[in-house]
Amino acid sequence: MSELPPCPECKSEYSYEMGELLVCPECAHEWNPNDAIDEEQPHRVIKDSAGNILADGDDVTIIKDMKVKGSSTPLKVGTKVRNIRLVDGPGDHDIDAKVDGFGPMNLKSSIVKKA
């Protein structure tokens, strides 16, 4: 027997299949399980400090000096970061990148500008 997901409305675990839909017997909510996957991962738009929309693979430039924990030298203004990845990271850090001379780190989109 396959495990069916709980109802997205009332979280009841007694959902059952009816054709291509899943049905909750407690609240009578009907949903398509394929659509539920798309709703759980909404498309998020991430913008840089100038308001430009960022995408995976973009190159960005740092717009303010940043102290790096564990390093004696800060990241300087104008440091170019290549091939970024957009992530839902810890807190408000939404860019994952490798910075030359520093290695992998998470950055905030508010301190970068699209190059």
PDB file of N, CA and C in Angstrom:
ATOM      1  N   MET A   1       0.843  -1.172   0.000  1.00  0.00           N
ATOM      2  CA  MET A   1       0.000   0.000   0.000  1.00  0.00           C
ATOM      3  C   MET A   1       0.895   1.244   0.000  1.00  0.00           C
ATOM      4  N   SER A   2       0.568   2.218  -0.857  1.00  0.00           N
ATOM      5  CA  SER A   2       1.396   3.420  -0.959  1.00  0.00           C
ATOM      6  C   SER A   2       0.916   4.478   0.038  1.00  0.00           C
ATOM      7  N   GLU A   3       1.854   5.265   0.513  1.00  0.00           N
ATOM      8  CA  GLU A   3       1.540   6.340   1.455  1.00  0.00           C
ATOM      9  C   GLU A   3       1.038   7.550   0.686  1.00  0.00           C
ATOM     10  N   LEU A   4      -0.104   8.062   1.028  1.00  0.00           N
ATOM     11  CA  LEU A   4      -0.649   9.262   0.404  1.00  0.00           C
ATOM     12  C   LEU A   4      -0.344  10.467   1.288  1.00  0.00           C
ATOM     13  N   PRO A   5      -0.122  11.634   0.675  1.00  0.00           N
ATOM     14  CA  PRO A   5       0.177  12.823   1.485  1.00  0.00           C
ATOM     15  C   PRO A   5      -1.042  13.275   2.271  1.00  0.00           C
ATOM     16  N   PRO A   6      -0.830  13.957   3.388  1.00  0.00           N
ATOM     17  CA  PRO A   6      -1.969  14.462   4.162  1.00  0.00           C
ATOM     18  C   PRO A   6      -2.663  15.613   3.432  1.00  0.00           C
ATOM     19  N   CYS A   7      -3.844  15.925   3.847  1.00  0.00           N
ATOM     20  CA  CYS A   7      -4.625  17.011   3.250  1.00  0.00           C
ATOM     21  C   CYS A   7      -3.901  18.348   3.465  1.00  0.00           C
ATOM     22  N   PRO A   8      -3.722  19.157   2.406  1.00  0.00           N
ATOM     23  CA  PRO A   8      -3.052  20.452   2.585  1.00  0.00           C
ATOM     24  C   PRO A   8      -3.902  21.472   3.352  1.00  0.00           C
ATOM     25  N   GLU A   9      -5.204  21.243   3.452  1.00  0.00           N
ATOM     26  CA  GLU A   9      -6.087  22.183   4.148  1.00  0.00           C
ATOM     27  C   GLU A   9      -6.141  21.907   5.654  1.00  0.00           C
ATOM     28  N   CYS A  10      -6.509  20.673   6.012  1.00  0.00           N
ATOM     29  CA  CYS A  10      -6.718  20.372   7.435  1.00  0.00           C
ATOM     30  C   CYS A  10      -5.662  19.416   8.008  1.00  0.00           C
ATOM     31  N   LYS A  11      -4.722  18.974   7.178  1.00  0.00           N
ATOM     32  CA  LYS A  11      -3.619  18.082   7.585  1.00  0.00           C
ATOM     33  C   LYS A  11      -4.090  16.694   8.024  1.00  0.00           C
ATOM     34  N   SER A  12      -5.278  16.308   7.596  1.00  0.00           N
ATOM     35  CA  SER A  12      -5.787  14.980   7.919  1.00  0.00           C
ATOM     36  C   SER A  12      -4.988  13.930   7.154  1.00  0.00           C
ATOM     37  N   GLU A  13      -4.684  12.823   7.800  1.00  0.00           N
ATOM     38  CA  GLU A  13      -3.896  11.787   7.150  1.00  0.00           C
ATOM     39  C   GLU A  13      -4.762  10.713   6.492  1.00  0.00           C
ATOM     40  N   TYR A  14      -6.071  10.932   6.425  1.00  0.00           N
ATOM     41  CA  TYR A  14      -6.981   9.934   5.876  1.00  0.00           C
ATOM     42  C   TYR A  14      -7.380  10.227   4.441  1.00  0.00           C
ATOM     43  N   SER A  15      -6.503  10.811   3.647  1.00  0.00           N
ATOM     44  CA  SER A  15      -6.833  11.130   2.256  1.00  0.00           C
ATOM     45  C   SER A  15      -6.910   9.843   1.435  1.00  0.00           C
ATOM     46  N   TYR A  16      -7.684   9.904   0.353  1.00  0.00           N
ATOM     47  CA  TYR A  16      -7.819   8.750  -0.525  1.00  0.00           C
ATOM     48  C   TYR A  16      -7.873   9.220  -1.968  1.00  0.00           C
ATOM     49  N   GLU A  17      -7.624   8.278  -2.889  1.00  0.00           N
ATOM     50  CA  GLU A  17      -7.599   8.606  -4.308  1.00  0.00           C
ATOM     51  C   GLU A  17      -8.988   8.482  -4.914  1.00  0.00           C
ATOM     52  N   MET A  18      -9.297   9.415  -5.824  1.00  0.00           N
ATOM     53  CA  MET A  18     -10.531   9.352  -6.593  1.00  0.00           C
ATOM     54  C   MET A  18     -10.165   9.800  -8.015  1.00  0.00           C
ATOM     55  N   GLY A  19      -9.858   8.822  -8.855  1.00  0.00           N
ATOM     56  CA  GLY A  19      -9.368   9.146 -10.191  1.00  0.00           C
ATOM     57  C   GLY A  19      -7.964   9.726 -10.076  1.00  0.00           C
ATOM     58  N   GLU A  20      -7.749  10.900 -10.691  1.00  0.00           N
ATOM     59  CA  GLU A  20      -6.444  11.555 -10.607  1.00  0.00           C
ATOM     60  C   GLU A  20      -6.330  12.469  -9.390  1.00  0.00           C
ATOM     61  N   LEU A  21      -7.422  12.679  -8.669  1.00  0.00           N
ATOM     62  CA  LEU A  21      -7.422  13.591  -7.528  1.00  0.00           C
ATOM     63  C   LEU A  21      -7.280  12.836  -6.215  1.00  0.00           C
ATOM     64  N   LEU A  22      -6.849  13.568  -5.210  1.00  0.00           N
ATOM     65  CA  LEU A  22      -6.876  13.059  -3.845  1.00  0.00           C
ATOM     66  C   LEU A  22      -7.986  13.798  -3.111  1.00  0.00           C
ATOM     67  N   VAL A  23      -8.650  13.104  -2.195  1.00  0.00           N
ATOM     68  CA  VAL A  23      -9.801  13.670  -1.492  1.00  0.00           C
ATOM     69  C   VAL A  23      -9.609  13.487   0.008  1.00  0.00           C
ATOM     70  N   CYS A  24     -10.004  14.508   0.767  1.00  0.00           N
ATOM     71  CA  CYS A  24      -9.969  14.423   2.219  1.00  0.00           C
ATOM     72  C   CYS A  24     -11.396  14.144   2.713  1.00  0.00           C
ATOM     73  N   PRO A  25     -11.619  13.065   3.459  1.00  0.00           N
ATOM     74  CA  PRO A  25     -12.959  12.759   3.932  1.00  0.00           C
ATOM     75  C   PRO A  25     -13.417  13.665   5.076  1.00  0.00           C
ATOM     76  N   GLU A  26     -12.492  14.346   5.733  1.00  0.00           N
ATOM     77  CA  GLU A  26     -12.864  15.180   6.875  1.00  0.00           C
ATOM     78  C   GLU A  26     -13.314  16.578   6.470  1.00  0.00           C
ATOM     79  N   CYS A  27     -12.625  17.194   5.497  1.00  0.00           N
ATOM     80  CA  CYS A  27     -13.004  18.565   5.116  1.00  0.00           C
ATOM     81  C   CYS A  27     -13.502  18.650   3.679  1.00  0.00           C
ATOM     82  N   ALA A  28     -13.520  17.522   2.945  1.00  0.00           N
ATOM     83  CA  ALA A  28     -14.012  17.427   1.575  1.00  0.00           C
ATOM     84  C   ALA A  28     -13.153  18.211   0.574  1.00  0.00           C
ATOM     85  N   HIS A  29     -11.913  18.468   0.919  1.00  0.00           N
ATOM     86  CA  HIS A  29     -11.012  19.164   0.001  1.00  0.00           C
ATOM     87  C   HIS A  29     -10.491  18.181  -1.041  1.00  0.00           C
ATOM     88  N   GLU A  30     -10.501  18.608  -2.325  1.00  0.00           N
ATOM     89  CA  GLU A  30      -9.969  17.791  -3.404  1.00  0.00           C
ATOM     90  C   GLU A  30      -8.767  18.507  -3.992  1.00  0.00           C
ATOM     91  N   TRP A  31      -7.694  17.774  -4.300  1.00  0.00           N
ATOM     92  CA  TRP A  31      -6.517  18.386  -4.896  1.00  0.00           C
ATOM     93  C   TRP A  31      -5.786  17.391  -5.780  1.00  0.00           C
ATOM     94  N   ASN A  32      -5.020  17.929  -6.706  1.00  0.00           N
ATOM     95  CA  ASN A  32      -4.198  17.120  -7.584  1.00  0.00           C
ATOM     96  C   ASN A  32      -2.817  17.023  -6.936  1.00  0.00           C
ATOM     97  N   PRO A  33      -2.302  15.845  -6.663  1.00  0.00           N
ATOM     98  CA  PRO A  33      -1.011  15.732  -5.979  1.00  0.00           C
ATOM     99  C   PRO A  33       0.144  16.318  -6.788  1.00  0.00           C
ATOM    100  N   ASN A  34       0.042  16.344  -8.115  1.00  0.00           N
ATOM    101  CA  ASN A  34       1.096  16.938  -8.938  1.00  0.00           C
ATOM    102  C   ASN A  34       1.123  18.457  -8.790  1.00  0.00           C
ATOM    103  N   ASP A  35      -0.040  19.094  -8.620  1.00  0.00           N
ATOM    104  CA  ASP A  35      -0.094  20.542  -8.419  1.00  0.00           C
ATOM    105  C   ASP A  35       0.429  20.920  -7.043  1.00  0.00           C
ATOM    106  N   ALA A  36       0.248  20.065  -6.061  1.00  0.00           N
ATOM    107  CA  ALA A  36       0.689  20.359  -4.696  1.00  0.00           C
ATOM    108  C   ALA A  36       2.206  20.506  -4.637  1.00  0.00           C
ATOM    109  N   ILE A  37       2.937  19.771  -5.453  1.00  0.00           N
ATOM    110  CA  ILE A  37       4.394  19.873  -5.477  1.00  0.00           C
ATOM    111  C   ILE A  37       4.806  21.258  -5.945  1.00  0.00           C
ATOM    112  N   ASP A  38       4.147  21.797  -6.980  1.00  0.00           N
ATOM    113  CA  ASP A  38       4.479  23.117  -7.493  1.00  0.00           C
ATOM    114  C   ASP A  38       4.143  24.215  -6.499  1.00  0.00           C
ATOM    115  N   GLU A  39       3.057  24.064  -5.735  1.00  0.00           N
ATOM    116  CA  GLU A  39       2.659  25.086  -4.774  1.00  0.00           C
ATOM    117  C   GLU A  39       3.618  25.156  -3.594  1.00  0.00           C
ATOM    118  N   GLU A  40       4.239  24.041  -3.237  1.00  0.00           N
ATOM    119  CA  GLU A  40       5.159  24.033  -2.109  1.00  0.00           C
ATOM    120  C   GLU A  40       6.456  24.761  -2.409  1.00  0.00           C
ATOM    121  N   GLN A  41       6.828  24.894  -3.690  1.00  0.00           N
ATOM    122  CA  GLN A  41       8.063  25.546  -4.069  1.00  0.00           C
ATOM    123  C   GLN A  41       7.759  26.755  -4.953  1.00  0.00           C
ATOM    124  N   PRO A  42       7.321  27.873  -4.362  1.00  0.00           N
ATOM    125  CA  PRO A  42       6.989  29.037  -5.169  1.00  0.00           C
ATOM    126  C   PRO A  42       8.253  29.643  -5.770  1.00  0.00           C
ATOM    127  N   HIS A  43       8.088  30.237  -6.952  1.00  0.00           N
ATOM    128  CA  HIS A  43       9.209  30.877  -7.622  1.00  0.00           C
ATOM    129  C   HIS A  43       9.508  32.197  -6.934  1.00  0.00           C
ATOM    130  N   ARG A  44      10.735  32.364  -6.479  1.00  0.00           N
ATOM    131  CA  ARG A  44      11.125  33.551  -5.739  1.00  0.00           C
ATOM    132  C   ARG A  44      12.032  34.416  -6.598  1.00  0.00           C
ATOM    133  N   VAL A  45      11.759  35.709  -6.658  1.00  0.00           N
ATOM    134  CA  VAL A  45      12.572  36.633  -7.433  1.00  0.00           C
ATOM    135  C   VAL A  45      13.560  37.300  -6.488  1.00  0.00           C
ATOM    136  N   ILE A  46      14.850  37.203  -6.821  1.00  0.00           N
ATOM    137  CA  ILE A  46      15.895  37.807  -6.006  1.00  0.00           C
ATOM    138  C   ILE A  46      16.524  38.927  -6.807  1.00  0.00           C
ATOM    139  N   LYS A  47      16.599  40.122  -6.185  1.00  0.00           N
ATOM    140  CA  LYS A  47      17.137  41.294  -6.857  1.00  0.00           C
ATOM    141  C   LYS A  47      18.405  41.764  -6.162  1.00  0.00           C
ATOM    142  N   ASP A  48      19.287  42.392  -6.942  1.00  0.00           N
ATOM    143  CA  ASP A  48      20.510  42.945  -6.365  1.00  0.00           C
ATOM    144  C   ASP A  48      20.231  44.319  -5.770  1.00  0.00           C
ATOM    145  N   SER A  49      21.275  45.019  -5.337  1.00  0.00           N
ATOM    146  CA  SER A  49      21.100  46.309  -4.674  1.00  0.00           C
ATOM    147  C   SER A  49      20.541  47.376  -5.601  1.00  0.00           C
ATOM    148  N   ALA A  50      20.717  47.214  -6.908  1.00  0.00           N
ATOM    149  CA  ALA A  50      20.217  48.197  -7.872  1.00  0.00           C
ATOM    150  C   ALA A  50      18.837  47.830  -8.407  1.00  0.00           C
ATOM    151  N   GLY A  51      18.303  46.689  -7.996  1.00  0.00           N
ATOM    152  CA  GLY A  51      16.973  46.279  -8.430  1.00  0.00           C
ATOM    153  C   GLY A  51      16.975  45.364  -9.639  1.00  0.00           C
ATOM    154  N   ASN A  52      18.141  44.940 -10.115  1.00  0.00           N
ATOM    155  CA  ASN A  52      18.219  44.006 -11.237  1.00  0.00           C
ATOM    156  C   ASN A  52      17.914  42.596 -10.748  1.00  0.00           C
ATOM    157  N   ILE A  53      17.195  41.832 -11.560  1.00  0.00           N
ATOM    158  CA  ILE A  53      16.839  40.466 -11.199  1.00  0.00           C
ATOM    159  C   ILE A  53      18.049  39.569 -11.416  1.00  0.00           C
ATOM    160  N   LEU A  54      18.386  38.790 -10.399  1.00  0.00           N
ATOM    161  CA  LEU A  54      19.518  37.873 -10.466  1.00  0.00           C
ATOM    162  C   LEU A  54      19.054  36.483 -10.869  1.00  0.00           C
ATOM    163  N   ALA A  55      19.950  35.738 -11.538  1.00  0.00           N
ATOM    164  CA  ALA A  55      19.667  34.366 -11.946  1.00  0.00           C
ATOM    165  C   ALA A  55      20.900  33.514 -11.679  1.00  0.00           C
ATOM    166  N   ASP A  56      20.706  32.208 -11.636  1.00  0.00           N
ATOM    167  CA  ASP A  56      21.845  31.296 -11.465  1.00  0.00           C
ATOM    168  C   ASP A  56      22.841  31.508 -12.598  1.00  0.00           C
ATOM    169  N   GLY A  57      24.128  31.533 -12.244  1.00  0.00           N
ATOM    170  CA  GLY A  57      25.175  31.687 -13.244  1.00  0.00           C
ATOM    171  C   GLY A  57      25.592  33.119 -13.516  1.00  0.00           C
ATOM    172  N   ASP A  58      24.913  34.092 -12.936  1.00  0.00           N
ATOM    173  CA  ASP A  58      25.273  35.502 -13.137  1.00  0.00           C
ATOM    174  C   ASP A  58      26.601  35.818 -12.462  1.00  0.00           C
ATOM    175  N   ASP A  59      27.243  36.886 -12.935  1.00  0.00           N
ATOM    176  CA  ASP A  59      28.429  37.435 -12.282  1.00  0.00           C
ATOM    177  C   ASP A  59      28.001  38.694 -11.545  1.00  0.00           C
ATOM    178  N   VAL A  60      28.488  38.875 -10.333  1.00  0.00           N
ATOM    179  CA  VAL A  60      28.142  40.046  -9.533  1.00  0.00           C
ATOM    180  C   VAL A  60      29.405  40.689  -8.976  1.00  0.00           C
ATOM    181  N   THR A  61      29.256  41.936  -8.528  1.00  0.00           N
ATOM    182  CA  THR A  61      30.345  42.677  -7.917  1.00  0.00           C
ATOM    183  C   THR A  61      29.914  43.108  -6.526  1.00  0.00           C
ATOM    184  N   ILE A  62      30.819  43.014  -5.555  1.00  0.00           N
ATOM    185  CA  ILE A  62      30.518  43.416  -4.181  1.00  0.00           C
ATOM    186  C   ILE A  62      30.551  44.939  -4.100  1.00  0.00           C
ATOM    187  N   ILE A  63      29.549  45.552  -3.444  1.00  0.00           N
ATOM    188  CA  ILE A  63      29.448  47.011  -3.427  1.00  0.00           C
ATOM    189  C   ILE A  63      29.867  47.652  -2.112  1.00  0.00           C
ATOM    190  N   LYS A  64      30.221  46.840  -1.110  1.00  0.00           N
ATOM    191  CA  LYS A  64      30.711  47.421   0.141  1.00  0.00           C
ATOM    192  C   LYS A  64      31.674  46.460   0.817  1.00  0.00           C
ATOM    193  N   ASP A  65      32.645  47.028   1.551  1.00  0.00           N
ATOM    194  CA  ASP A  65      33.628  46.194   2.251  1.00  0.00           C
ATOM    195  C   ASP A  65      32.923  45.313   3.273  1.00  0.00           C
ATOM    196  N   MET A  66      33.374  44.060   3.369  1.00  0.00           N
ATOM    197  CA  MET A  66      32.781  43.116   4.315  1.00  0.00           C
ATOM    198  C   MET A  66      33.877  42.415   5.092  1.00  0.00           C
ATOM    199  N   LYS A  67      33.728  42.348   6.384  1.00  0.00           N
ATOM    200  CA  LYS A  67      34.627  41.544   7.192  1.00  0.00           C
ATOM    201  C   LYS A  67      34.206  40.092   7.037  1.00  0.00           C
ATOM    202  N   VAL A  68      35.199  39.221   6.860  1.00  0.00           N
ATOM    203  CA  VAL A  68      34.928  37.803   6.697  1.00  0.00           C
ATOM    204  C   VAL A  68      35.374  37.090   7.958  1.00  0.00           C
ATOM    205  N   LYS A  69      34.457  36.377   8.575  1.00  0.00           N
ATOM    206  CA  LYS A  69      34.762  35.659   9.811  1.00  0.00           C
ATOM    207  C   LYS A  69      35.848  34.615   9.548  1.00  0.00           C
ATOM    208  N   GLY A  70      36.901  34.644  10.356  1.00  0.00           N
ATOM    209  CA  GLY A  70      37.978  33.687  10.216  1.00  0.00           C
ATOM    210  C   GLY A  70      39.078  34.120   9.261  1.00  0.00           C
ATOM    211  N   SER A  71      38.962  35.319   8.692  1.00  0.00           N
ATOM    212  CA  SER A  71      39.977  35.819   7.773  1.00  0.00           C
ATOM    213  C   SER A  71      40.458  37.180   8.254  1.00  0.00           C
ATOM    214  N   SER A  72      41.741  37.447   8.054  1.00  0.00           N
ATOM    215  CA  SER A  72      42.284  38.736   8.494  1.00  0.00           C
ATOM    216  C   SER A  72      42.058  39.838   7.460  1.00  0.00           C
ATOM    217  N   THR A  73      41.755  39.463   6.220  1.00  0.00           N
ATOM    218  CA  THR A  73      41.522  40.464   5.180  1.00  0.00           C
ATOM    219  C   THR A  73      40.038  40.515   4.824  1.00  0.00           C
ATOM    220  N   PRO A  74      39.490  41.719   4.654  1.00  0.00           N
ATOM    221  CA  PRO A  74      38.077  41.834   4.293  1.00  0.00           C
ATOM    222  C   PRO A  74      37.864  41.669   2.789  1.00  0.00           C
ATOM    223  N   LEU A  75      36.628  41.427   2.392  1.00  0.00           N
ATOM    224  CA  LEU A  75      36.251  41.469   0.986  1.00  0.00           C
ATOM    225  C   LEU A  75      36.144  42.938   0.608  1.00  0.00           C
ATOM    226  N   LYS A  76      36.822  43.344  -0.410  1.00  0.00           N
ATOM    227  CA  LYS A  76      36.868  44.753  -0.798  1.00  0.00           C
ATOM    228  C   LYS A  76      35.767  45.087  -1.800  1.00  0.00           C
ATOM    229  N   VAL A  77      35.439  46.379  -1.864  1.00  0.00           N
ATOM    230  CA  VAL A  77      34.496  46.882  -2.859  1.00  0.00           C
ATOM    231  C   VAL A  77      35.049  46.568  -4.241  1.00  0.00           C
ATOM    232  N   GLY A  78      34.206  46.095  -5.139  1.00  0.00           N
ATOM    233  CA  GLY A  78      34.619  45.806  -6.502  1.00  0.00           C
ATOM    234  C   GLY A  78      35.070  44.378  -6.730  1.00  0.00           C
ATOM    235  N   THR A  79      35.095  43.553  -5.672  1.00  0.00           N
ATOM    236  CA  THR A  79      35.474  42.158  -5.840  1.00  0.00           C
ATOM    237  C   THR A  79      34.438  41.465  -6.714  1.00  0.00           C
ATOM    238  N   LYS A  80      34.896  40.826  -7.788  1.00  0.00           N
ATOM    239  CA  LYS A  80      33.978  40.169  -8.710  1.00  0.00           C
ATOM    240  C   LYS A  80      33.741  38.726  -8.258  1.00  0.00           C
ATOM    241  N   VAL A  81      32.491  38.341  -8.251  1.00  0.00           N
ATOM    242  CA  VAL A  81      32.091  36.979  -7.881  1.00  0.00           C
ATOM    243  C   VAL A  81      31.431  36.372  -9.108  1.00  0.00           C
ATOM    244  N   ARG A  82      31.967  35.258  -9.570  1.00  0.00           N
ATOM    245  CA  ARG A  82      31.474  34.638 -10.805  1.00  0.00           C
ATOM    246  C   ARG A  82      30.587  33.443 -10.513  1.00  0.00           C
ATOM    247  N   ASN A  83      29.652  33.223 -11.429  1.00  0.00           N
ATOM    248  CA  ASN A  83      28.834  32.010 -11.436  1.00  0.00           C
ATOM    249  C   ASN A  83      28.132  31.764 -10.100  1.00  0.00           C
ATOM    250  N   ILE A  84      27.233  32.675  -9.714  1.00  0.00           N
ATOM    251  CA  ILE A  84      26.509  32.550  -8.444  1.00  0.00           C
ATOM    252  C   ILE A  84      25.388  31.519  -8.561  1.00  0.00           C
ATOM    253  N   ARG A  85      24.941  31.019  -7.415  1.00  0.00           N
ATOM    254  CA  ARG A  85      23.758  30.163  -7.329  1.00  0.00           C
ATOM    255  C   ARG A  85      22.796  30.800  -6.342  1.00  0.00           C
ATOM    256  N   LEU A  86      21.532  30.879  -6.707  1.00  0.00           N
ATOM    257  CA  LEU A  86      20.513  31.426  -5.816  1.00  0.00           C
ATOM    258  C   LEU A  86      19.977  30.295  -4.944  1.00  0.00           C
ATOM    259  N   VAL A  87      19.919  30.547  -3.635  1.00  0.00           N
ATOM    260  CA  VAL A  87      19.484  29.525  -2.683  1.00  0.00           C
ATOM    261  C   VAL A  87      18.542  30.143  -1.657  1.00  0.00           C
ATOM    262  N   ASP A  88      17.783  29.293  -0.983  1.00  0.00           N
ATOM    263  CA  ASP A  88      17.016  29.708   0.180  1.00  0.00           C
ATOM    264  C   ASP A  88      17.880  29.347   1.376  1.00  0.00           C
ATOM    265  N   GLY A  89      18.795  30.231   1.694  1.00  0.00           N
ATOM    266  CA  GLY A  89      19.800  29.939   2.701  1.00  0.00           C
ATOM    267  C   GLY A  89      19.391  30.329   4.095  1.00  0.00           C
ATOM    268  N   PRO A  90      20.346  30.247   4.991  1.00  0.00           N
ATOM    269  CA  PRO A  90      20.071  30.623   6.371  1.00  0.00           C
ATOM    270  C   PRO A  90      19.853  32.126   6.479  1.00  0.00           C
ATOM    271  N   GLY A  91      18.798  32.528   7.116  1.00  0.00           N
ATOM    272  CA  GLY A  91      18.513  33.951   7.278  1.00  0.00           C
ATOM    273  C   GLY A  91      18.234  34.612   5.939  1.00  0.00           C
ATOM    274  N   ASP A  92      18.905  35.732   5.706  1.00  0.00           N
ATOM    275  CA  ASP A  92      18.672  36.463   4.462  1.00  0.00           C
ATOM    276  C   ASP A  92      19.823  36.314   3.478  1.00  0.00           C
ATOM    277  N   HIS A  93      20.678  35.330   3.665  1.00  0.00           N
ATOM    278  CA  HIS A  93      21.748  35.039   2.717  1.00  0.00           C
ATOM    279  C   HIS A  93      21.159  34.198   1.594  1.00  0.00           C
ATOM    280  N   ASP A  94      21.021  34.775   0.406  1.00  0.00           N
ATOM    281  CA  ASP A  94      20.344  34.078  -0.675  1.00  0.00           C
ATOM    282  C   ASP A  94      21.223  33.807  -1.886  1.00  0.00           C
ATOM    283  N   ILE A  95      22.532  34.032  -1.778  1.00  0.00           N
ATOM    284  CA  ILE A  95      23.465  33.741  -2.863  1.00  0.00           C
ATOM    285  C   ILE A  95      24.550  32.817  -2.328  1.00  0.00           C
ATOM    286  N   ASP A  96      24.818  31.752  -3.071  1.00  0.00           N
ATOM    287  CA  ASP A  96      25.896  30.827  -2.743  1.00  0.00           C
ATOM    288  C   ASP A  96      26.933  30.967  -3.848  1.00  0.00           C
ATOM    289  N   ALA A  97      28.194  31.230  -3.486  1.00  0.00           N
ATOM    290  CA  ALA A  97      29.222  31.471  -4.497  1.00  0.00           C
ATOM    291  C   ALA A  97      30.593  31.113  -3.970  1.00  0.00           C
ATOM    292  N   LYS A  98      31.545  30.987  -4.898  1.00  0.00           N
ATOM    293  CA  LYS A  98      32.949  30.836  -4.545  1.00  0.00           C
ATOM    294  C   LYS A  98      33.620  32.165  -4.869  1.00  0.00           C
ATOM    295  N   VAL A  99      34.230  32.769  -3.865  1.00  0.00           N
ATOM    296  CA  VAL A  99      34.924  34.039  -4.040  1.00  0.00           C
ATOM    297  C   VAL A  99      36.411  33.738  -4.130  1.00  0.00           C
ATOM    298  N   ASP A 100      37.060  34.240  -5.193  1.00  0.00           N
ATOM    299  CA  ASP A 100      38.490  34.006  -5.376  1.00  0.00           C
ATOM    300  C   ASP A 100      39.269  34.506  -4.173  1.00  0.00           C
ATOM    301  N   GLY A 101      40.115  33.660  -3.619  1.00  0.00           N
ATOM    302  CA  GLY A 101      40.937  34.018  -2.473  1.00  0.00           C
ATOM    303  C   GLY A 101      40.259  33.781  -1.135  1.00  0.00           C
ATOM    304  N   PHE A 102      38.953  33.517  -1.138  1.00  0.00           N
ATOM    305  CA  PHE A 102      38.232  33.305   0.116  1.00  0.00           C
ATOM    306  C   PHE A 102      37.545  31.943   0.167  1.00  0.00           C
ATOM    307  N   GLY A 103      37.180  31.402  -0.981  1.00  0.00           N
ATOM    308  CA  GLY A 103      36.497  30.117  -1.031  1.00  0.00           C
ATOM    309  C   GLY A 103      34.989  30.265  -1.048  1.00  0.00           C
ATOM    310  N   PRO A 104      34.260  29.170  -0.750  1.00  0.00           N
ATOM    311  CA  PRO A 104      32.794  29.210  -0.805  1.00  0.00           C
ATOM    312  C   PRO A 104      32.208  30.030   0.335  1.00  0.00           C
ATOM    313  N   MET A 105      31.185  30.804   0.022  1.00  0.00           N
ATOM    314  CA  MET A 105      30.489  31.578   1.061  1.00  0.00           C
ATOM    315  C   MET A 105      29.098  31.946   0.610  1.00  0.00           C
ATOM    316  N   ASN A 106      28.271  32.296   1.576  1.00  0.00           N
ATOM    317  CA  ASN A 106      26.917  32.786   1.328  1.00  0.00           C
ATOM    318  C   ASN A 106      26.942  34.303   1.415  1.00  0.00           C
ATOM    319  N   LEU A 107      26.237  34.950   0.468  1.00  0.00           N
ATOM    320  CA  LEU A 107      26.188  36.406   0.419  1.00  0.00           C
ATOM    321  C   LEU A 107      24.744  36.877   0.425  1.00  0.00           C
ATOM    322  N   LYS A 108      24.550  38.106   0.829  1.00  0.00           N
ATOM    323  CA  LYS A 108      23.253  38.740   0.763  1.00  0.00           C
ATOM    324  C   LYS A 108      23.124  39.451  -0.584  1.00  0.00           C
ATOM    325  N   SER A 109      21.961  39.407  -1.164  1.00  0.00           N
ATOM    326  CA  SER A 109      21.760  40.074  -2.446  1.00  0.00           C
ATOM    327  C   SER A 109      21.809  41.588  -2.314  1.00  0.00           C
ATOM    328  N   SER A 110      21.641  42.100  -1.103  1.00  0.00           N
ATOM    329  CA  SER A 110      21.648  43.559  -0.892  1.00  0.00           C
ATOM    330  C   SER A 110      23.050  44.157  -0.947  1.00  0.00           C
ATOM    331  N   ILE A 111      24.106  43.330  -0.939  1.00  0.00           N
ATOM    332  CA  ILE A 111      25.462  43.872  -0.994  1.00  0.00           C
ATOM    333  C   ILE A 111      26.153  43.584  -2.315  1.00  0.00           C
ATOM    334  N   VAL A 112      25.418  43.118  -3.328  1.00  0.00           N
ATOM    335  CA  VAL A 112      26.026  42.864  -4.626  1.00  0.00           C
ATOM    336  C   VAL A 112      25.297  43.633  -5.721  1.00  0.00           C
ATOM    337  N   LYS A 113      26.014  43.828  -6.832  1.00  0.00           N
ATOM    338  CA  LYS A 113      25.462  44.482  -8.009  1.00  0.00           C
ATOM    339  C   LYS A 113      25.771  43.588  -9.198  1.00  0.00           C
ATOM    340  N   LYS A 114      24.808  43.411 -10.088  1.00  0.00           N
ATOM    341  CA  LYS A 114      25.003  42.567 -11.254  1.00  0.00           C
ATOM    342  C   LYS A 114      26.101  43.168 -12.124  1.00  0.00           C
ATOM    343  N   ALA A 115      27.051  42.321 -12.559  1.00  0.00           N
ATOM    344  CA  ALA A 115      28.171  42.810 -13.367  1.00  0.00           C
ATOM    345  C   ALA A 115      27.831  42.783 -14.848  1.00  0.00           C
TER     346      ALA A 115
END
